[in-house]
Amino acid sequence: MNILPTDQWTYPMLWKMLEERYGMNEAKAVVRYLLEMKYNLSLADILCEKTDSVNIRELSNDMERLCEGVPVQYVVGKTLFAGRCFEVSSDVLIPREETAELCRWITEEWKNDTCRILDVGTGSGCIAITLSLDIPGSQVVAWDISEGALSVARKNAEALQTEVVFCRQDILDEKAPKETRYDIIVSNPPYICYQERDEVDEHVLNNEPSLALFVPDNNPLLFYRAIMDYAKDVLKDTGMIYFEINPHHVEALQQLGMAKGFTLQEVRQDSFGKLRMLRLQREKTDNHQ
């Protein structure tokens, strides 16, 4: 189907097709992202409406998907995260800036250390790969339950030339391996309750994997609890857990951490002013190395 009215395009023609869904400013940004990231057009090319290098049929198909509400990152097949380009597909969440902020926090504190890191629920691999590259002395293992997500993550690690060990593993499995000791466990687990669906953008609900988004209404800390229980067995003394968190459950998460024997170190806001990141430290014990 060709939804462009002519065999030519103009920048205003494209963004006006999306204006009703996104509003003018975001529609312009979405079209720019598409033309820059997929069609390799500079801003000058876009403003001058350089059309020669663009396949109109392909562009028309892309615009149709955007009009249907498919996120531009999925249409393009890649996104920028922490200064690097990552492949994305509908098997993984689109990496977000607040997750990059979590990576920067960890990097600031560990960039000069030799450390072992476990990333639980790696998705696209954005956290694991970023930490592997930005903490040169790190050894990183990354888990996910989705084979589709792991396939994307492995492609990203290969493209960015870093060695991360990816494993299909469910943190809810009580038989998860416990041979390795880690200095850091990091996770951006599913944390949105189904009753919070009205707070989630429609294009997220309709396109991003629900497996990576939602937890039961009656058990909002399901994955945090499982990670803490696992950490008690594998985290080194004074090792750290870093979580991306749901602002609605900060107090409950703090109480859970203390009940599980961790010391609350810090809760941080993201760039939007929401409490979004939490760090816990494992208390030192006499019999844990």
C-alpha atoms as a PDB file:
ATOM      1  CA  MET A   1       0.000   0.000   0.000  1.00  0.00           C
ATOM      2  CA  ASN A   2       1.308   3.437  -0.932  1.00  0.00           C
ATOM      3  CA  ILE A   3      -0.059   6.057   1.455  1.00  0.00           C
ATOM      4  CA  LEU A   4       2.052   8.905   0.105  1.00  0.00           C
ATOM      5  CA  PRO A   5      -0.111  10.909  -2.296  1.00  0.00           C
ATOM      6  CA  THR A   6       2.661  11.406  -4.876  1.00  0.00           C
ATOM      7  CA  ASP A   7       5.953   9.822  -5.889  1.00  0.00           C
ATOM      8  CA  GLN A   8       7.705  12.637  -4.026  1.00  0.00           C
ATOM      9  CA  TRP A   9       7.793  13.636  -0.379  1.00  0.00           C
ATOM     10  CA  THR A  10       8.323  16.764   1.625  1.00  0.00           C
ATOM     11  CA  TYR A  11       9.217  17.040   5.277  1.00  0.00           C
ATOM     12  CA  PRO A  12       5.952  18.877   6.152  1.00  0.00           C
ATOM     13  CA  MET A  13       3.949  16.281   4.207  1.00  0.00           C
ATOM     14  CA  LEU A  14       5.413  13.510   6.331  1.00  0.00           C
ATOM     15  CA  TRP A  15       5.157  15.026   9.779  1.00  0.00           C
ATOM     16  CA  LYS A  16       1.629  16.299   9.170  1.00  0.00           C
ATOM     17  CA  MET A  17       0.579  12.672   8.609  1.00  0.00           C
ATOM     18  CA  LEU A  18       1.555  12.004  12.242  1.00  0.00           C
ATOM     19  CA  GLU A  19       0.489  15.285  13.820  1.00  0.00           C
ATOM     20  CA  GLU A  20      -2.887  14.060  15.068  1.00  0.00           C
ATOM     21  CA  ARG A  21      -1.285  11.102  16.859  1.00  0.00           C
ATOM     22  CA  TYR A  22       1.825  12.769  18.262  1.00  0.00           C
ATOM     23  CA  GLY A  23       1.350  16.533  18.135  1.00  0.00           C
ATOM     24  CA  MET A  24       3.423  18.770  15.901  1.00  0.00           C
ATOM     25  CA  ASN A  25       6.758  18.802  17.729  1.00  0.00           C
ATOM     26  CA  GLU A  26       6.940  15.066  18.386  1.00  0.00           C
ATOM     27  CA  ALA A  27       5.709  14.296  14.856  1.00  0.00           C
ATOM     28  CA  LYS A  28       8.570  16.344  13.447  1.00  0.00           C
ATOM     29  CA  ALA A  29      11.047  14.549  15.713  1.00  0.00           C
ATOM     30  CA  VAL A  30       9.726  11.103  14.715  1.00  0.00           C
ATOM     31  CA  VAL A  31      10.056  11.850  10.999  1.00  0.00           C
ATOM     32  CA  ARG A  32      13.555  13.268  11.471  1.00  0.00           C
ATOM     33  CA  TYR A  33      14.566  10.146  13.386  1.00  0.00           C
ATOM     34  CA  LEU A  34      13.255   7.925  10.590  1.00  0.00           C
ATOM     35  CA  LEU A  35      14.980   9.853   7.814  1.00  0.00           C
ATOM     36  CA  GLU A  36      18.269  10.248   9.686  1.00  0.00           C
ATOM     37  CA  MET A  37      18.577   6.750  11.180  1.00  0.00           C
ATOM     38  CA  LYS A  38      17.175   4.611   8.354  1.00  0.00           C
ATOM     39  CA  TYR A  39      17.734   6.689   5.232  1.00  0.00           C
ATOM     40  CA  ASN A  40      20.985   8.374   6.312  1.00  0.00           C
ATOM     41  CA  LEU A  41      19.767  11.879   5.535  1.00  0.00           C
ATOM     42  CA  SER A  42      21.308  14.836   7.313  1.00  0.00           C
ATOM     43  CA  LEU A  43      19.164  17.594   8.767  1.00  0.00           C
ATOM     44  CA  ALA A  44      20.161  19.747   5.793  1.00  0.00           C
ATOM     45  CA  ASP A  45      19.031  16.972   3.414  1.00  0.00           C
ATOM     46  CA  ILE A  46      15.697  16.746   5.215  1.00  0.00           C
ATOM     47  CA  LEU A  47      15.047  20.495   5.195  1.00  0.00           C
ATOM     48  CA  CYS A  48      16.054  20.696   1.544  1.00  0.00           C
ATOM     49  CA  GLU A  49      13.807  17.689   0.833  1.00  0.00           C
ATOM     50  CA  LYS A  50      16.497  15.676  -0.901  1.00  0.00           C
ATOM     51  CA  THR A  51      14.503  12.809  -2.364  1.00  0.00           C
ATOM     52  CA  ASP A  52      16.861  11.054  -4.778  1.00  0.00           C
ATOM     53  CA  SER A  53      18.270   8.490  -2.352  1.00  0.00           C
ATOM     54  CA  VAL A  54      14.946   7.514  -0.753  1.00  0.00           C
ATOM     55  CA  ASN A  55      12.858   4.579  -1.942  1.00  0.00           C
ATOM     56  CA  ILE A  56       9.368   6.069  -1.959  1.00  0.00           C
ATOM     57  CA  ARG A  57       7.601   2.709  -1.663  1.00  0.00           C
ATOM     58  CA  GLU A  58       9.696   1.775   1.380  1.00  0.00           C
ATOM     59  CA  LEU A  59       9.183   5.203   2.919  1.00  0.00           C
ATOM     60  CA  SER A  60       5.446   4.902   2.331  1.00  0.00           C
ATOM     61  CA  ASN A  61       5.386   1.539   4.123  1.00  0.00           C
ATOM     62  CA  ASP A  62       7.343   3.020   7.021  1.00  0.00           C
ATOM     63  CA  MET A  63       4.951   5.952   7.298  1.00  0.00           C
ATOM     64  CA  GLU A  64       1.994   3.569   7.278  1.00  0.00           C
ATOM     65  CA  ARG A  65       3.434   1.726  10.271  1.00  0.00           C
ATOM     66  CA  LEU A  66       4.084   5.011  12.062  1.00  0.00           C
ATOM     67  CA  CYS A  67       0.517   6.108  11.389  1.00  0.00           C
ATOM     68  CA  GLU A  68      -0.639   2.823  12.962  1.00  0.00           C
ATOM     69  CA  GLY A  69       1.271   3.687  16.139  1.00  0.00           C
ATOM     70  CA  VAL A  70       4.351   1.472  15.756  1.00  0.00           C
ATOM     71  CA  PRO A  71       7.241   3.183  17.579  1.00  0.00           C
ATOM     72  CA  VAL A  72       9.765   4.692  15.201  1.00  0.00           C
ATOM     73  CA  GLN A  73      12.582   2.690  16.821  1.00  0.00           C
ATOM     74  CA  TYR A  74      10.895  -0.542  15.748  1.00  0.00           C
ATOM     75  CA  VAL A  75      10.278   0.830  12.262  1.00  0.00           C
ATOM     76  CA  VAL A  76      13.949   1.761  11.937  1.00  0.00           C
ATOM     77  CA  GLY A  77      15.124  -1.370  13.763  1.00  0.00           C
ATOM     78  CA  LYS A  78      17.615   0.453  15.952  1.00  0.00           C
ATOM     79  CA  THR A  79      17.926   3.096  18.619  1.00  0.00           C
ATOM     80  CA  LEU A  80      20.575   5.147  20.371  1.00  0.00           C
ATOM     81  CA  PHE A  81      21.427   4.302  23.956  1.00  0.00           C
ATOM     82  CA  ALA A  82      24.243   5.783  26.027  1.00  0.00           C
ATOM     83  CA  GLY A  83      25.917   7.063  22.876  1.00  0.00           C
ATOM     84  CA  ARG A  84      25.787   3.771  20.970  1.00  0.00           C
ATOM     85  CA  CYS A  85      23.481   2.259  18.384  1.00  0.00           C
ATOM     86  CA  PHE A  86      21.504  -0.826  19.452  1.00  0.00           C
ATOM     87  CA  GLU A  87      19.341  -3.094  17.340  1.00  0.00           C
ATOM     88  CA  VAL A  88      15.770  -3.405  18.616  1.00  0.00           C
ATOM     89  CA  SER A  89      12.773  -5.495  17.652  1.00  0.00           C
ATOM     90  CA  SER A  90       9.352  -6.223  19.097  1.00  0.00           C
ATOM     91  CA  ASP A  91      11.039  -8.922  21.222  1.00  0.00           C
ATOM     92  CA  VAL A  92      12.664  -6.271  23.428  1.00  0.00           C
ATOM     93  CA  LEU A  93      11.779  -3.055  25.193  1.00  0.00           C
ATOM     94  CA  ILE A  94      13.033   0.103  23.561  1.00  0.00           C
ATOM     95  CA  PRO A  95      15.947   1.265  25.764  1.00  0.00           C
ATOM     96  CA  ARG A  96      15.137   4.516  27.539  1.00  0.00           C
ATOM     97  CA  GLU A  97      17.120   7.429  28.889  1.00  0.00           C
ATOM     98  CA  GLU A  98      16.354   6.613  32.524  1.00  0.00           C
ATOM     99  CA  THR A  99      17.975   3.207  32.014  1.00  0.00           C
ATOM    100  CA  ALA A 100      21.036   4.937  30.559  1.00  0.00           C
ATOM    101  CA  GLU A 101      21.119   7.052  33.723  1.00  0.00           C
ATOM    102  CA  LEU A 102      21.224   3.852  35.767  1.00  0.00           C
ATOM    103  CA  CYS A 103      24.205   2.681  33.699  1.00  0.00           C
ATOM    104  CA  ARG A 104      25.980   5.993  34.224  1.00  0.00           C
ATOM    105  CA  TRP A 105      25.487   5.713  37.976  1.00  0.00           C
ATOM    106  CA  ILE A 106      27.071   2.264  38.053  1.00  0.00           C
ATOM    107  CA  THR A 107      29.900   3.316  35.750  1.00  0.00           C
ATOM    108  CA  GLU A 108      30.726   6.364  37.867  1.00  0.00           C
ATOM    109  CA  GLU A 109      31.168   4.159  40.917  1.00  0.00           C
ATOM    110  CA  TRP A 110      32.914   1.156  39.361  1.00  0.00           C
ATOM    111  CA  LYS A 111      34.786   2.377  36.270  1.00  0.00           C
ATOM    112  CA  ASN A 112      38.196   1.801  37.873  1.00  0.00           C
ATOM    113  CA  ASP A 113      37.369  -1.580  39.381  1.00  0.00           C
ATOM    114  CA  THR A 114      37.649  -5.177  38.300  1.00  0.00           C
ATOM    115  CA  CYS A 115      34.179  -6.567  38.885  1.00  0.00           C
ATOM    116  CA  ARG A 116      31.730  -9.309  37.988  1.00  0.00           C
ATOM    117  CA  ILE A 117      28.289  -8.124  36.955  1.00  0.00           C
ATOM    118  CA  LEU A 118      24.982  -9.947  36.486  1.00  0.00           C
ATOM    119  CA  ASP A 119      22.236  -8.246  34.461  1.00  0.00           C
ATOM    120  CA  VAL A 120      18.857  -9.868  35.131  1.00  0.00           C
ATOM    121  CA  GLY A 121      16.313  -9.439  32.323  1.00  0.00           C
ATOM    122  CA  THR A 122      18.731  -8.062  29.763  1.00  0.00           C
ATOM    123  CA  GLY A 123      16.322  -7.522  26.857  1.00  0.00           C
ATOM    124  CA  SER A 124      18.303  -5.834  24.073  1.00  0.00           C
ATOM    125  CA  GLY A 125      21.463  -6.194  26.163  1.00  0.00           C
ATOM    126  CA  CYS A 126      21.729  -2.430  26.531  1.00  0.00           C
ATOM    127  CA  ILE A 127      22.676  -2.467  30.227  1.00  0.00           C
ATOM    128  CA  ALA A 128      25.044  -5.436  30.046  1.00  0.00           C
ATOM    129  CA  ILE A 129      26.838  -4.222  26.920  1.00  0.00           C
ATOM    130  CA  THR A 130      27.106  -0.630  28.127  1.00  0.00           C
ATOM    131  CA  LEU A 131      28.635  -1.701  31.434  1.00  0.00           C
ATOM    132  CA  SER A 132      30.963  -4.150  29.697  1.00  0.00           C
ATOM    133  CA  LEU A 133      32.280  -1.360  27.470  1.00  0.00           C
ATOM    134  CA  ASP A 134      32.341   1.447  30.031  1.00  0.00           C
ATOM    135  CA  ILE A 135      33.877  -0.581  32.876  1.00  0.00           C
ATOM    136  CA  PRO A 136      36.918  -2.127  31.172  1.00  0.00           C
ATOM    137  CA  GLY A 137      37.691  -4.400  34.119  1.00  0.00           C
ATOM    138  CA  SER A 138      34.246  -5.984  34.168  1.00  0.00           C
ATOM    139  CA  GLN A 139      33.079  -9.507  33.392  1.00  0.00           C
ATOM    140  CA  VAL A 140      29.392  -9.436  32.546  1.00  0.00           C
ATOM    141  CA  VAL A 141      26.762 -12.168  32.510  1.00  0.00           C
ATOM    142  CA  ALA A 142      23.251 -11.360  31.255  1.00  0.00           C
ATOM    143  CA  TRP A 143      20.054 -13.362  31.647  1.00  0.00           C
ATOM    144  CA  ASP A 144      16.707 -13.298  29.925  1.00  0.00           C
ATOM    145  CA  ILE A 145      13.831 -15.714  29.648  1.00  0.00           C
ATOM    146  CA  SER A 146      13.097 -14.769  26.019  1.00  0.00           C
ATOM    147  CA  GLU A 147      15.046 -16.431  23.215  1.00  0.00           C
ATOM    148  CA  GLY A 148      13.992 -13.586  20.921  1.00  0.00           C
ATOM    149  CA  ALA A 149      15.461 -11.026  23.280  1.00  0.00           C
ATOM    150  CA  LEU A 150      18.683 -13.003  23.673  1.00  0.00           C
ATOM    151  CA  SER A 151      19.071 -13.177  19.902  1.00  0.00           C
ATOM    152  CA  VAL A 152      18.848  -9.381  19.686  1.00  0.00           C
ATOM    153  CA  ALA A 153      21.239  -8.954  22.607  1.00  0.00           C
ATOM    154  CA  ARG A 154      23.855 -11.262  21.090  1.00  0.00           C
ATOM    155  CA  LYS A 155      23.708  -9.351  17.803  1.00  0.00           C
ATOM    156  CA  ASN A 156      24.244  -6.099  19.666  1.00  0.00           C
ATOM    157  CA  ALA A 157      27.213  -7.482  21.590  1.00  0.00           C
ATOM    158  CA  GLU A 158      28.789  -8.709  18.368  1.00  0.00           C
ATOM    159  CA  ALA A 159      28.173  -5.410  16.568  1.00  0.00           C
ATOM    160  CA  LEU A 160      29.638  -3.428  19.468  1.00  0.00           C
ATOM    161  CA  GLN A 161      32.547  -5.846  19.840  1.00  0.00           C
ATOM    162  CA  THR A 162      32.214  -6.770  23.467  1.00  0.00           C
ATOM    163  CA  GLU A 163      32.124 -10.085  25.276  1.00  0.00           C
ATOM    164  CA  VAL A 164      29.042 -10.607  27.402  1.00  0.00           C
ATOM    165  CA  VAL A 165      27.893 -14.089  28.385  1.00  0.00           C
ATOM    166  CA  PHE A 166      24.193 -14.364  27.572  1.00  0.00           C
ATOM    167  CA  CYS A 167      22.104 -17.134  29.122  1.00  0.00           C
ATOM    168  CA  ARG A 168      18.457 -18.137  28.943  1.00  0.00           C
ATOM    169  CA  GLN A 169      17.505 -18.107  32.591  1.00  0.00           C
ATOM    170  CA  ASP A 170      14.431 -17.265  34.645  1.00  0.00           C
ATOM    171  CA  ILE A 171      15.177 -15.503  37.925  1.00  0.00           C
ATOM    172  CA  LEU A 172      11.972 -17.049  39.318  1.00  0.00           C
ATOM    173  CA  ASP A 173      13.474 -20.525  38.877  1.00  0.00           C
ATOM    174  CA  GLU A 174      14.691 -21.699  42.272  1.00  0.00           C
ATOM    175  CA  LYS A 175      17.301 -23.857  40.498  1.00  0.00           C
ATOM    176  CA  ALA A 176      19.110 -20.856  38.997  1.00  0.00           C
ATOM    177  CA  PRO A 177      22.890 -21.477  39.074  1.00  0.00           C
ATOM    178  CA  LYS A 178      24.717 -20.211  42.128  1.00  0.00           C
ATOM    179  CA  GLU A 179      28.336 -21.068  41.422  1.00  0.00           C
ATOM    180  CA  THR A 180      29.495 -17.571  40.443  1.00  0.00           C
ATOM    181  CA  ARG A 181      29.946 -14.690  42.892  1.00  0.00           C
ATOM    182  CA  TYR A 182      29.127 -11.188  41.698  1.00  0.00           C
ATOM    183  CA  ASP A 183      30.155  -7.713  42.774  1.00  0.00           C
ATOM    184  CA  ILE A 184      27.105  -6.150  41.108  1.00  0.00           C
ATOM    185  CA  ILE A 185      23.625  -7.349  40.235  1.00  0.00           C
ATOM    186  CA  VAL A 186      21.639  -4.936  38.096  1.00  0.00           C
ATOM    187  CA  SER A 187      18.110  -5.191  36.765  1.00  0.00           C
ATOM    188  CA  ASN A 188      15.359  -3.258  35.062  1.00  0.00           C
ATOM    189  CA  PRO A 189      12.695  -5.897  35.701  1.00  0.00           C
ATOM    190  CA  PRO A 190       8.996  -5.839  34.819  1.00  0.00           C
ATOM    191  CA  TYR A 191       7.441  -3.455  37.346  1.00  0.00           C
ATOM    192  CA  ILE A 192       4.186  -2.040  35.949  1.00  0.00           C
ATOM    193  CA  CYS A 193       1.002  -3.425  37.506  1.00  0.00           C
ATOM    194  CA  TYR A 194      -1.889  -4.180  35.174  1.00  0.00           C
ATOM    195  CA  GLN A 195      -4.005  -1.677  37.079  1.00  0.00           C
ATOM    196  CA  GLU A 196      -1.521   1.022  35.973  1.00  0.00           C
ATOM    197  CA  ARG A 197      -2.145   0.411  32.264  1.00  0.00           C
ATOM    198  CA  ASP A 198      -3.923   3.750  31.932  1.00  0.00           C
ATOM    199  CA  GLU A 199      -0.630   5.484  32.776  1.00  0.00           C
ATOM    200  CA  VAL A 200       1.219   3.761  29.923  1.00  0.00           C
ATOM    201  CA  ASP A 201       1.351   5.261  26.442  1.00  0.00           C
ATOM    202  CA  GLU A 202      -0.833   3.476  23.907  1.00  0.00           C
ATOM    203  CA  HIS A 203       2.052   2.801  21.502  1.00  0.00           C
ATOM    204  CA  VAL A 204       3.943   1.083  24.342  1.00  0.00           C
ATOM    205  CA  LEU A 205       0.968  -1.100  25.293  1.00  0.00           C
ATOM    206  CA  ASN A 206       0.297  -2.101  21.702  1.00  0.00           C
ATOM    207  CA  ASN A 207       3.860  -2.801  20.595  1.00  0.00           C
ATOM    208  CA  GLU A 208       6.373  -3.471  23.369  1.00  0.00           C
ATOM    209  CA  PRO A 209       6.540  -6.966  24.912  1.00  0.00           C
ATOM    210  CA  SER A 210       4.141  -7.288  27.853  1.00  0.00           C
ATOM    211  CA  LEU A 211       6.417  -9.976  29.319  1.00  0.00           C
ATOM    212  CA  ALA A 212       8.997  -7.270  29.981  1.00  0.00           C
ATOM    213  CA  LEU A 213       6.528  -4.676  31.247  1.00  0.00           C
ATOM    214  CA  PHE A 214       3.935  -6.104  33.613  1.00  0.00           C
ATOM    215  CA  VAL A 215       3.684  -7.794  36.999  1.00  0.00           C
ATOM    216  CA  PRO A 216       0.556  -9.050  38.783  1.00  0.00           C
ATOM    217  CA  ASP A 217      -1.402  -6.404  40.680  1.00  0.00           C
ATOM    218  CA  ASN A 218      -1.222  -8.509  43.832  1.00  0.00           C
ATOM    219  CA  ASN A 219       2.567  -9.022  43.621  1.00  0.00           C
ATOM    220  CA  PRO A 220       4.214  -5.825  42.320  1.00  0.00           C
ATOM    221  CA  LEU A 221       7.623  -6.653  43.837  1.00  0.00           C
ATOM    222  CA  LEU A 222       7.720 -10.180  42.391  1.00  0.00           C
ATOM    223  CA  PHE A 223      10.989  -9.813  40.502  1.00  0.00           C
ATOM    224  CA  TYR A 224      12.707  -7.569  43.041  1.00  0.00           C
ATOM    225  CA  ARG A 225      12.032 -10.138  45.749  1.00  0.00           C
ATOM    226  CA  ALA A 226      13.366 -12.974  43.605  1.00  0.00           C
ATOM    227  CA  ILE A 227      16.518 -11.018  42.721  1.00  0.00           C
ATOM    228  CA  MET A 228      17.180 -10.169  46.358  1.00  0.00           C
ATOM    229  CA  ASP A 229      16.731 -13.798  47.394  1.00  0.00           C
ATOM    230  CA  TYR A 230      19.142 -14.870  44.684  1.00  0.00           C
ATOM    231  CA  ALA A 231      21.593 -12.118  45.608  1.00  0.00           C
ATOM    232  CA  LYS A 232      21.809 -13.405  49.178  1.00  0.00           C
ATOM    233  CA  ASP A 233      23.470 -16.532  47.771  1.00  0.00           C
ATOM    234  CA  VAL A 234      25.686 -15.080  45.030  1.00  0.00           C
ATOM    235  CA  LEU A 235      26.466 -11.443  45.854  1.00  0.00           C
ATOM    236  CA  LYS A 236      29.856 -10.827  47.445  1.00  0.00           C
ATOM    237  CA  ASP A 237      30.081  -9.205  50.842  1.00  0.00           C
ATOM    238  CA  THR A 238      29.439  -5.455  50.456  1.00  0.00           C
ATOM    239  CA  GLY A 239      28.389  -6.104  46.850  1.00  0.00           C
ATOM    240  CA  MET A 240      25.710  -3.905  45.304  1.00  0.00           C
ATOM    241  CA  ILE A 241      22.297  -4.339  43.722  1.00  0.00           C
ATOM    242  CA  TYR A 242      21.171  -1.586  41.359  1.00  0.00           C
ATOM    243  CA  PHE A 243      17.504  -1.490  40.346  1.00  0.00           C
ATOM    244  CA  GLU A 244      15.393   0.566  38.028  1.00  0.00           C
ATOM    245  CA  ILE A 245      12.177   0.952  39.996  1.00  0.00           C
ATOM    246  CA  ASN A 246       8.521   1.909  39.856  1.00  0.00           C
ATOM    247  CA  PRO A 247       8.079   5.247  41.680  1.00  0.00           C
ATOM    248  CA  HIS A 248       4.776   3.963  43.108  1.00  0.00           C
ATOM    249  CA  HIS A 249       6.534   1.263  45.138  1.00  0.00           C
ATOM    250  CA  VAL A 250       9.638   2.983  46.490  1.00  0.00           C
ATOM    251  CA  GLU A 251       8.751   2.687  50.176  1.00  0.00           C
ATOM    252  CA  ALA A 252       7.677  -0.947  49.894  1.00  0.00           C
ATOM    253  CA  LEU A 253      10.866  -1.766  47.999  1.00  0.00           C
ATOM    254  CA  GLN A 254      13.014  -0.094  50.645  1.00  0.00           C
ATOM    255  CA  GLN A 255      11.284  -2.084  53.376  1.00  0.00           C
ATOM    256  CA  LEU A 256      11.709  -5.309  51.415  1.00  0.00           C
ATOM    257  CA  GLY A 257      15.421  -4.668  50.959  1.00  0.00           C
ATOM    258  CA  MET A 258      15.975  -4.142  54.660  1.00  0.00           C
ATOM    259  CA  ALA A 259      13.883  -7.215  55.520  1.00  0.00           C
ATOM    260  CA  LYS A 260      16.077  -9.272  53.184  1.00  0.00           C
ATOM    261  CA  GLY A 261      19.246  -8.143  54.951  1.00  0.00           C
ATOM    262  CA  PHE A 262      20.423  -5.370  52.630  1.00  0.00           C
ATOM    263  CA  THR A 263      21.442  -1.871  53.565  1.00  0.00           C
ATOM    264  CA  LEU A 264      19.666   0.890  51.685  1.00  0.00           C
ATOM    265  CA  GLN A 265      22.348   3.037  50.109  1.00  0.00           C
ATOM    266  CA  GLU A 266      20.543   5.528  47.903  1.00  0.00           C
ATOM    267  CA  VAL A 267      17.407   6.260  45.896  1.00  0.00           C
ATOM    268  CA  ARG A 268      17.862   8.532  42.887  1.00  0.00           C
ATOM    269  CA  GLN A 269      15.568  10.536  40.679  1.00  0.00           C
ATOM    270  CA  ASP A 270      15.696  10.324  36.914  1.00  0.00           C
ATOM    271  CA  SER A 271      15.963  13.374  34.675  1.00  0.00           C
ATOM    272  CA  PHE A 272      12.164  13.751  34.830  1.00  0.00           C
ATOM    273  CA  GLY A 273      12.242  14.096  38.608  1.00  0.00           C
ATOM    274  CA  LYS A 274      10.784  10.646  39.365  1.00  0.00           C
ATOM    275  CA  LEU A 275      12.296   8.273  41.896  1.00  0.00           C
ATOM    276  CA  ARG A 276      13.600   5.715  39.412  1.00  0.00           C
ATOM    277  CA  MET A 277      16.807   4.076  40.699  1.00  0.00           C
ATOM    278  CA  LEU A 278      17.742   2.314  43.904  1.00  0.00           C
ATOM    279  CA  ARG A 279      20.987   0.890  45.218  1.00  0.00           C
ATOM    280  CA  LEU A 280      21.266  -1.735  47.938  1.00  0.00           C
ATOM    281  CA  GLN A 281      24.385  -3.141  49.572  1.00  0.00           C
ATOM    282  CA  ARG A 282      24.818  -6.620  50.917  1.00  0.00           C
ATOM    283  CA  GLU A 283      25.715  -6.576  54.571  1.00  0.00           C
ATOM    284  CA  LYS A 284      29.022  -8.175  55.393  1.00  0.00           C
ATOM    285  CA  THR A 285      28.832 -11.619  56.979  1.00  0.00           C
ATOM    286  CA  ASP A 286      31.454 -13.768  58.639  1.00  0.00           C
ATOM    287  CA  ASN A 287      30.891 -16.808  56.408  1.00  0.00           C
ATOM    288  CA  HIS A 288      30.298 -15.264  52.942  1.00  0.00           C
ATOM    289  CA  GLN A 289      33.209 -14.527  50.638  1.00  0.00           C
END
